[in-house]
Amino acid sequence: MKAVTAGHRWSVFSRCVAATLGGYALVSLTHVAMVALLPVAQHKALLFASQTGYLTWTGIIVWCFAARTARRAWTGLAIVALPLLLVAGWFLAQRGVA
C-alpha cells in the first residue's frame, strides 16, 4: 500500500477549493456573461443561465479532479474566467454599476 504524503493531501484540498469556490465564481461569471450576450430579455437569459449553472458547475468539478495537477486545474479555471471577467466588466460598465 502506498503512503499518502502531505503533498498529495494539499493537492486534493486545493482541487476541492478549486471545484467549490472557483466553480462558484466561474458559474457566477457565466451567469453575468449569458445575461449580457444572449439575445433575449434579461430575465429569460438569467433563468436560462441559472438552469444551466448546475451542469456547468458539474463540469467544473469533473475538470478539477480530472486535471493532471492541481495547478493545471487552477490554470484552466483562470483561462476560462478571464474572458468572462471582461464580458462581465463591460456589461456592468454599460449598466453604470462598475
C-alpha atoms as a PDB file:
ATOM      1  CA  MET A   1       0.000   0.000   0.000  1.00  0.00           C
ATOM      2  CA  LYS A   2       1.319   3.424  -0.964  1.00  0.00           C
ATOM      3  CA  ALA A   3       1.652   6.021   1.800  1.00  0.00           C
ATOM      4  CA  VAL A   4      -0.333   9.237   1.439  1.00  0.00           C
ATOM      5  CA  THR A   5       2.010  12.213   1.610  1.00  0.00           C
ATOM      6  CA  ALA A   6       1.277  15.728   2.806  1.00  0.00           C
ATOM      7  CA  GLY A   7       1.774  16.995  -0.750  1.00  0.00           C
ATOM      8  CA  HIS A   8      -0.942  14.686  -2.019  1.00  0.00           C
ATOM      9  CA  ARG A   9      -3.308  15.854   0.708  1.00  0.00           C
ATOM     10  CA  TRP A  10      -2.667  19.516  -0.156  1.00  0.00           C
ATOM     11  CA  SER A  11      -3.268  18.706  -3.827  1.00  0.00           C
ATOM     12  CA  VAL A  12      -6.642  17.152  -3.037  1.00  0.00           C
ATOM     13  CA  PHE A  13      -7.522  20.075  -0.748  1.00  0.00           C
ATOM     14  CA  SER A  14      -6.563  22.546  -3.489  1.00  0.00           C
ATOM     15  CA  ARG A  15      -8.720  20.725  -6.023  1.00  0.00           C
ATOM     16  CA  CYS A  16     -11.651  20.774  -3.582  1.00  0.00           C
ATOM     17  CA  VAL A  17     -11.262  24.527  -3.131  1.00  0.00           C
ATOM     18  CA  ALA A  18     -10.958  24.996  -6.909  1.00  0.00           C
ATOM     19  CA  ALA A  19     -14.062  22.897  -7.527  1.00  0.00           C
ATOM     20  CA  THR A  20     -16.182  24.642  -4.880  1.00  0.00           C
ATOM     21  CA  LEU A  21     -15.097  28.267  -4.642  1.00  0.00           C
ATOM     22  CA  GLY A  22     -13.549  28.549  -8.094  1.00  0.00           C
ATOM     23  CA  GLY A  23     -16.512  26.738  -9.607  1.00  0.00           C
ATOM     24  CA  TYR A  24     -18.974  29.033  -7.854  1.00  0.00           C
ATOM     25  CA  ALA A  25     -17.120  32.114  -9.093  1.00  0.00           C
ATOM     26  CA  LEU A  26     -16.942  30.760 -12.628  1.00  0.00           C
ATOM     27  CA  VAL A  27     -20.647  29.890 -12.701  1.00  0.00           C
ATOM     28  CA  SER A  28     -21.490  33.368 -11.396  1.00  0.00           C
ATOM     29  CA  LEU A  29     -19.380  34.953 -14.124  1.00  0.00           C
ATOM     30  CA  THR A  30     -21.096  32.712 -16.662  1.00  0.00           C
ATOM     31  CA  HIS A  31     -24.485  33.969 -15.446  1.00  0.00           C
ATOM     32  CA  VAL A  32     -23.474  37.589 -15.968  1.00  0.00           C
ATOM     33  CA  ALA A  33     -21.980  36.808 -19.392  1.00  0.00           C
ATOM     34  CA  MET A  34     -25.121  34.987 -20.515  1.00  0.00           C
ATOM     35  CA  VAL A  35     -27.353  37.852 -19.417  1.00  0.00           C
ATOM     36  CA  ALA A  36     -25.098  40.227 -21.327  1.00  0.00           C
ATOM     37  CA  LEU A  37     -24.773  38.193 -24.517  1.00  0.00           C
ATOM     38  CA  LEU A  38     -27.952  36.166 -25.047  1.00  0.00           C
ATOM     39  CA  PRO A  39     -30.343  37.890 -27.473  1.00  0.00           C
ATOM     40  CA  VAL A  40     -33.429  37.532 -25.273  1.00  0.00           C
ATOM     41  CA  ALA A  41     -34.932  39.525 -22.428  1.00  0.00           C
ATOM     42  CA  GLN A  42     -32.622  39.744 -19.434  1.00  0.00           C
ATOM     43  CA  HIS A  43     -34.929  37.876 -17.077  1.00  0.00           C
ATOM     44  CA  LYS A  44     -35.184  34.990 -19.549  1.00  0.00           C
ATOM     45  CA  ALA A  45     -31.414  34.931 -20.031  1.00  0.00           C
ATOM     46  CA  LEU A  46     -30.900  34.823 -16.265  1.00  0.00           C
ATOM     47  CA  LEU A  47     -33.410  31.999 -15.901  1.00  0.00           C
ATOM     48  CA  PHE A  48     -31.623  30.007 -18.627  1.00  0.00           C
ATOM     49  CA  ALA A  49     -28.232  30.722 -17.055  1.00  0.00           C
ATOM     50  CA  SER A  50     -29.475  29.625 -13.647  1.00  0.00           C
ATOM     51  CA  GLN A  51     -30.860  26.391 -15.020  1.00  0.00           C
ATOM     52  CA  THR A  52     -27.664  25.532 -16.890  1.00  0.00           C
ATOM     53  CA  GLY A  53     -25.460  26.602 -13.980  1.00  0.00           C
ATOM     54  CA  TYR A  54     -25.746  23.194 -12.317  1.00  0.00           C
ATOM     55  CA  LEU A  55     -24.474  21.484 -15.460  1.00  0.00           C
ATOM     56  CA  THR A  56     -21.646  23.986 -15.734  1.00  0.00           C
ATOM     57  CA  TRP A  57     -20.623  23.524 -12.114  1.00  0.00           C
ATOM     58  CA  THR A  58     -20.696  19.732 -12.504  1.00  0.00           C
ATOM     59  CA  GLY A  59     -18.374  20.039 -15.494  1.00  0.00           C
ATOM     60  CA  ILE A  60     -16.047  22.279 -13.485  1.00  0.00           C
ATOM     61  CA  ILE A  61     -15.905  19.746 -10.647  1.00  0.00           C
ATOM     62  CA  VAL A  62     -15.081  16.960 -13.085  1.00  0.00           C
ATOM     63  CA  TRP A  63     -12.399  19.136 -14.693  1.00  0.00           C
ATOM     64  CA  CYS A  64     -10.759  19.974 -11.357  1.00  0.00           C
ATOM     65  CA  PHE A  65     -10.369  16.336 -10.423  1.00  0.00           C
ATOM     66  CA  ALA A  66      -9.525  15.084 -13.923  1.00  0.00           C
ATOM     67  CA  ALA A  67      -6.676  17.559 -14.404  1.00  0.00           C
ATOM     68  CA  ARG A  68      -3.208  16.074 -14.047  1.00  0.00           C
ATOM     69  CA  THR A  69      -2.210  18.503 -11.288  1.00  0.00           C
ATOM     70  CA  ALA A  70      -3.950  20.983  -9.013  1.00  0.00           C
ATOM     71  CA  ARG A  71      -2.000  23.784 -10.691  1.00  0.00           C
ATOM     72  CA  ARG A  72      -3.403  22.752 -14.056  1.00  0.00           C
ATOM     73  CA  ALA A  73      -6.926  22.755 -12.598  1.00  0.00           C
ATOM     74  CA  TRP A  74      -6.451  26.314 -11.293  1.00  0.00           C
ATOM     75  CA  THR A  75      -4.878  27.401 -14.587  1.00  0.00           C
ATOM     76  CA  GLY A  76      -7.828  26.024 -16.543  1.00  0.00           C
ATOM     77  CA  LEU A  77     -10.260  27.906 -14.328  1.00  0.00           C
ATOM     78  CA  ALA A  78      -8.264  31.126 -14.754  1.00  0.00           C
ATOM     79  CA  ILE A  79      -8.133  30.779 -18.554  1.00  0.00           C
ATOM     80  CA  VAL A  80     -11.911  30.376 -18.727  1.00  0.00           C
ATOM     81  CA  ALA A  81     -12.544  33.147 -16.180  1.00  0.00           C
ATOM     82  CA  LEU A  82     -10.533  35.825 -17.998  1.00  0.00           C
ATOM     83  CA  PRO A  83     -12.873  36.362 -20.998  1.00  0.00           C
ATOM     84  CA  LEU A  84     -15.894  36.020 -18.711  1.00  0.00           C
ATOM     85  CA  LEU A  85     -14.465  38.747 -16.471  1.00  0.00           C
ATOM     86  CA  LEU A  86     -14.017  41.010 -19.492  1.00  0.00           C
ATOM     87  CA  VAL A  87     -17.610  40.460 -20.631  1.00  0.00           C
ATOM     88  CA  ALA A  88     -18.935  40.948 -17.091  1.00  0.00           C
ATOM     89  CA  GLY A  89     -16.928  44.152 -16.658  1.00  0.00           C
ATOM     90  CA  TRP A  90     -18.133  45.503 -19.985  1.00  0.00           C
ATOM     91  CA  PHE A  91     -21.751  44.640 -19.166  1.00  0.00           C
ATOM     92  CA  LEU A  92     -21.648  46.170 -15.703  1.00  0.00           C
ATOM     93  CA  ALA A  93     -19.953  49.302 -17.056  1.00  0.00           C
ATOM     94  CA  GLN A  94     -22.741  49.644 -19.641  1.00  0.00           C
ATOM     95  CA  ARG A  95     -25.310  49.401 -16.849  1.00  0.00           C
ATOM     96  CA  GLY A  96     -23.499  52.010 -14.773  1.00  0.00           C
ATOM     97  CA  VAL A  97     -22.760  49.569 -11.944  1.00  0.00           C
ATOM     98  CA  ALA A  98     -18.976  49.417 -12.180  1.00  0.00           C
END
